[in-house]
Amino acid sequence: DDGVFRAWCGRRLQELASGAHGLLVMRREVAPLVLEAARLAEGAATGRAMSLPEAGEVALSLVPTHYRRILNDAVGYRRGANTSNYWGPFERKTDAQQVIHHLVRAVAGSGR
């Protein structure tokens, strides 16, 4: 059922956002979390299920320009890129936490 799936995605996204406070400094930890948040946001907003990289690309239109960097970095990592868009891990962590919270707000504000 579409409504059940969308509600589950919304709840899971909020749970993910409330738990995104740990170390989260390594790219291998941040990328999957950011992409899962993007996938859950898309599922909650539209009812569509999609791959992690596809969700990251779709989420680019949901976030301010500044946060596109973390999404591009996460998609690149998922696709095997060796280089990061970040010099150090702490800026990546902050952007990851902020983009996840932005996606929660975007879904809540979408009224869908």
C-alpha atoms as a PDB file:
ATOM      1  CA  ASP A   1       0.000   0.000   0.000  1.00  0.00           C
ATOM      2  CA  ASP A   2       1.418   3.380  -1.048  1.00  0.00           C
ATOM      3  CA  GLY A   3       0.267   5.191   2.090  1.00  0.00           C
ATOM      4  CA  VAL A   4       1.802   2.606   4.393  1.00  0.00           C
ATOM      5  CA  PHE A   5       5.118   2.730   2.525  1.00  0.00           C
ATOM      6  CA  ARG A   6       5.211   6.518   2.580  1.00  0.00           C
ATOM      7  CA  ALA A   7       4.407   6.644   6.288  1.00  0.00           C
ATOM      8  CA  TRP A   8       7.084   4.048   7.033  1.00  0.00           C
ATOM      9  CA  CYS A   9       9.662   6.035   5.038  1.00  0.00           C
ATOM     10  CA  GLY A  10       8.760   9.206   6.912  1.00  0.00           C
ATOM     11  CA  ARG A  11       9.091   7.531  10.310  1.00  0.00           C
ATOM     12  CA  ARG A  12      12.339   5.833   9.356  1.00  0.00           C
ATOM     13  CA  LEU A  13      13.769   9.133   8.049  1.00  0.00           C
ATOM     14  CA  GLN A  14      12.989  10.844  11.350  1.00  0.00           C
ATOM     15  CA  GLU A  15      14.574   7.953  13.265  1.00  0.00           C
ATOM     16  CA  LEU A  16      17.662   8.150  11.075  1.00  0.00           C
ATOM     17  CA  ALA A  17      17.918  11.913  11.627  1.00  0.00           C
ATOM     18  CA  SER A  18      17.584  11.597  15.389  1.00  0.00           C
ATOM     19  CA  GLY A  19      20.381   9.005  15.473  1.00  0.00           C
ATOM     20  CA  ALA A  20      22.840  10.833  13.204  1.00  0.00           C
ATOM     21  CA  HIS A  21      24.997  12.202  16.005  1.00  0.00           C
ATOM     22  CA  GLY A  22      27.730   9.594  16.418  1.00  0.00           C
ATOM     23  CA  LEU A  23      31.251   9.727  15.057  1.00  0.00           C
ATOM     24  CA  LEU A  24      30.297   9.796  11.357  1.00  0.00           C
ATOM     25  CA  VAL A  25      33.681  11.058  10.290  1.00  0.00           C
ATOM     26  CA  MET A  26      34.749   8.467   7.759  1.00  0.00           C
ATOM     27  CA  ARG A  27      33.405   8.748   4.242  1.00  0.00           C
ATOM     28  CA  ARG A  28      32.443   5.076   4.234  1.00  0.00           C
ATOM     29  CA  GLU A  29      30.085   5.773   7.165  1.00  0.00           C
ATOM     30  CA  VAL A  30      28.680   9.073   5.956  1.00  0.00           C
ATOM     31  CA  ALA A  31      27.878   8.217   2.332  1.00  0.00           C
ATOM     32  CA  PRO A  32      25.436   5.355   2.996  1.00  0.00           C
ATOM     33  CA  LEU A  33      23.679   7.355   5.708  1.00  0.00           C
ATOM     34  CA  VAL A  34      23.205  10.400   3.475  1.00  0.00           C
ATOM     35  CA  LEU A  35      21.972   8.293   0.564  1.00  0.00           C
ATOM     36  CA  GLU A  36      19.593   6.312   2.777  1.00  0.00           C
ATOM     37  CA  ALA A  37      18.144   9.601   4.041  1.00  0.00           C
ATOM     38  CA  ALA A  38      17.675  10.726   0.434  1.00  0.00           C
ATOM     39  CA  ARG A  39      15.981   7.436  -0.465  1.00  0.00           C
ATOM     40  CA  LEU A  40      13.657   7.622   2.545  1.00  0.00           C
ATOM     41  CA  ALA A  41      12.801  11.266   1.792  1.00  0.00           C
ATOM     42  CA  GLU A  42      11.856  10.385  -1.767  1.00  0.00           C
ATOM     43  CA  GLY A  43       9.830   7.395  -0.575  1.00  0.00           C
ATOM     44  CA  ALA A  44       7.981   9.511   1.985  1.00  0.00           C
ATOM     45  CA  ALA A  45       7.316  12.329  -0.468  1.00  0.00           C
ATOM     46  CA  THR A  46       6.347  10.367  -3.576  1.00  0.00           C
ATOM     47  CA  GLY A  47       5.990   6.708  -2.674  1.00  0.00           C
ATOM     48  CA  ARG A  48       8.769   5.764  -5.088  1.00  0.00           C
ATOM     49  CA  ALA A  49      11.386   3.189  -4.164  1.00  0.00           C
ATOM     50  CA  MET A  50      14.779   3.714  -5.803  1.00  0.00           C
ATOM     51  CA  SER A  51      18.448   2.872  -5.582  1.00  0.00           C
ATOM     52  CA  LEU A  52      20.742   4.807  -3.267  1.00  0.00           C
ATOM     53  CA  PRO A  53      22.642   6.649  -6.051  1.00  0.00           C
ATOM     54  CA  GLU A  54      19.409   7.515  -7.871  1.00  0.00           C
ATOM     55  CA  ALA A  55      17.918   8.858  -4.641  1.00  0.00           C
ATOM     56  CA  GLY A  56      21.016  10.999  -4.065  1.00  0.00           C
ATOM     57  CA  GLU A  57      20.697  12.501  -7.524  1.00  0.00           C
ATOM     58  CA  VAL A  58      16.970  13.170  -7.114  1.00  0.00           C
ATOM     59  CA  ALA A  59      17.570  14.796  -3.719  1.00  0.00           C
ATOM     60  CA  LEU A  60      19.830  17.382  -5.350  1.00  0.00           C
ATOM     61  CA  SER A  61      16.686  19.281  -6.305  1.00  0.00           C
ATOM     62  CA  LEU A  62      15.369  19.200  -2.715  1.00  0.00           C
ATOM     63  CA  VAL A  63      18.311  20.828  -0.979  1.00  0.00           C
ATOM     64  CA  PRO A  64      20.023  24.229  -1.099  1.00  0.00           C
ATOM     65  CA  THR A  65      23.114  24.499  -3.276  1.00  0.00           C
ATOM     66  CA  HIS A  66      25.497  24.236  -0.319  1.00  0.00           C
ATOM     67  CA  TYR A  67      24.253  20.721   0.534  1.00  0.00           C
ATOM     68  CA  ARG A  68      24.606  19.393  -2.991  1.00  0.00           C
ATOM     69  CA  ARG A  69      28.272  18.882  -2.222  1.00  0.00           C
ATOM     70  CA  ILE A  70      27.596  16.159   0.358  1.00  0.00           C
ATOM     71  CA  LEU A  71      25.100  14.423  -1.928  1.00  0.00           C
ATOM     72  CA  ASN A  72      27.530  14.484  -4.863  1.00  0.00           C
ATOM     73  CA  ASP A  73      30.280  13.171  -2.591  1.00  0.00           C
ATOM     74  CA  ALA A  74      28.063  10.335  -1.332  1.00  0.00           C
ATOM     75  CA  VAL A  75      26.929   9.341  -4.838  1.00  0.00           C
ATOM     76  CA  GLY A  76      30.523   9.438  -6.052  1.00  0.00           C
ATOM     77  CA  TYR A  77      31.671   7.240  -3.185  1.00  0.00           C
ATOM     78  CA  ARG A  78      28.865   4.771  -3.850  1.00  0.00           C
ATOM     79  CA  ARG A  79      29.949   4.593  -7.498  1.00  0.00           C
ATOM     80  CA  GLY A  80      33.584   3.994  -6.609  1.00  0.00           C
ATOM     81  CA  ALA A  81      35.171   7.445  -6.716  1.00  0.00           C
ATOM     82  CA  ASN A  82      38.436   7.558  -4.787  1.00  0.00           C
ATOM     83  CA  THR A  83      38.543  11.311  -4.334  1.00  0.00           C
ATOM     84  CA  SER A  84      36.272  13.260  -2.023  1.00  0.00           C
ATOM     85  CA  ASN A  85      34.749  16.719  -2.283  1.00  0.00           C
ATOM     86  CA  TYR A  86      35.922  17.319   1.291  1.00  0.00           C
ATOM     87  CA  TRP A  87      39.356  18.076   2.624  1.00  0.00           C
ATOM     88  CA  GLY A  88      38.637  16.708   6.079  1.00  0.00           C
ATOM     89  CA  PRO A  89      36.072  14.563   7.839  1.00  0.00           C
ATOM     90  CA  PHE A  90      34.527  17.062  10.235  1.00  0.00           C
ATOM     91  CA  GLU A  91      33.066  19.351   7.593  1.00  0.00           C
ATOM     92  CA  ARG A  92      31.643  16.249   5.887  1.00  0.00           C
ATOM     93  CA  LYS A  93      30.051  15.163   9.174  1.00  0.00           C
ATOM     94  CA  THR A  94      28.430  18.555   9.723  1.00  0.00           C
ATOM     95  CA  ASP A  95      27.096  18.722   6.167  1.00  0.00           C
ATOM     96  CA  ALA A  96      25.765  15.167   6.433  1.00  0.00           C
ATOM     97  CA  GLN A  97      23.873  15.933   9.624  1.00  0.00           C
ATOM     98  CA  GLN A  98      22.502  19.165   8.218  1.00  0.00           C
ATOM     99  CA  VAL A  99      21.377  17.691   4.896  1.00  0.00           C
ATOM    100  CA  ILE A 100      19.603  14.835   6.666  1.00  0.00           C
ATOM    101  CA  HIS A 101      17.718  17.309   8.866  1.00  0.00           C
ATOM    102  CA  HIS A 102      16.931  19.432   5.806  1.00  0.00           C
ATOM    103  CA  LEU A 103      15.443  16.383   4.060  1.00  0.00           C
ATOM    104  CA  VAL A 104      13.232  15.719   7.111  1.00  0.00           C
ATOM    105  CA  ARG A 105      11.973  19.309   6.962  1.00  0.00           C
ATOM    106  CA  ALA A 106      11.477  19.125   3.171  1.00  0.00           C
ATOM    107  CA  VAL A 107       9.314  16.023   3.486  1.00  0.00           C
ATOM    108  CA  ALA A 108       7.356  17.475   6.414  1.00  0.00           C
ATOM    109  CA  GLY A 109       6.776  20.692   4.469  1.00  0.00           C
ATOM    110  CA  SER A 110       5.768  18.946   1.261  1.00  0.00           C
ATOM    111  CA  GLY A 111       2.321  18.123   2.621  1.00  0.00           C
ATOM    112  CA  ARG A 112       2.316  14.853   0.732  1.00  0.00           C
END
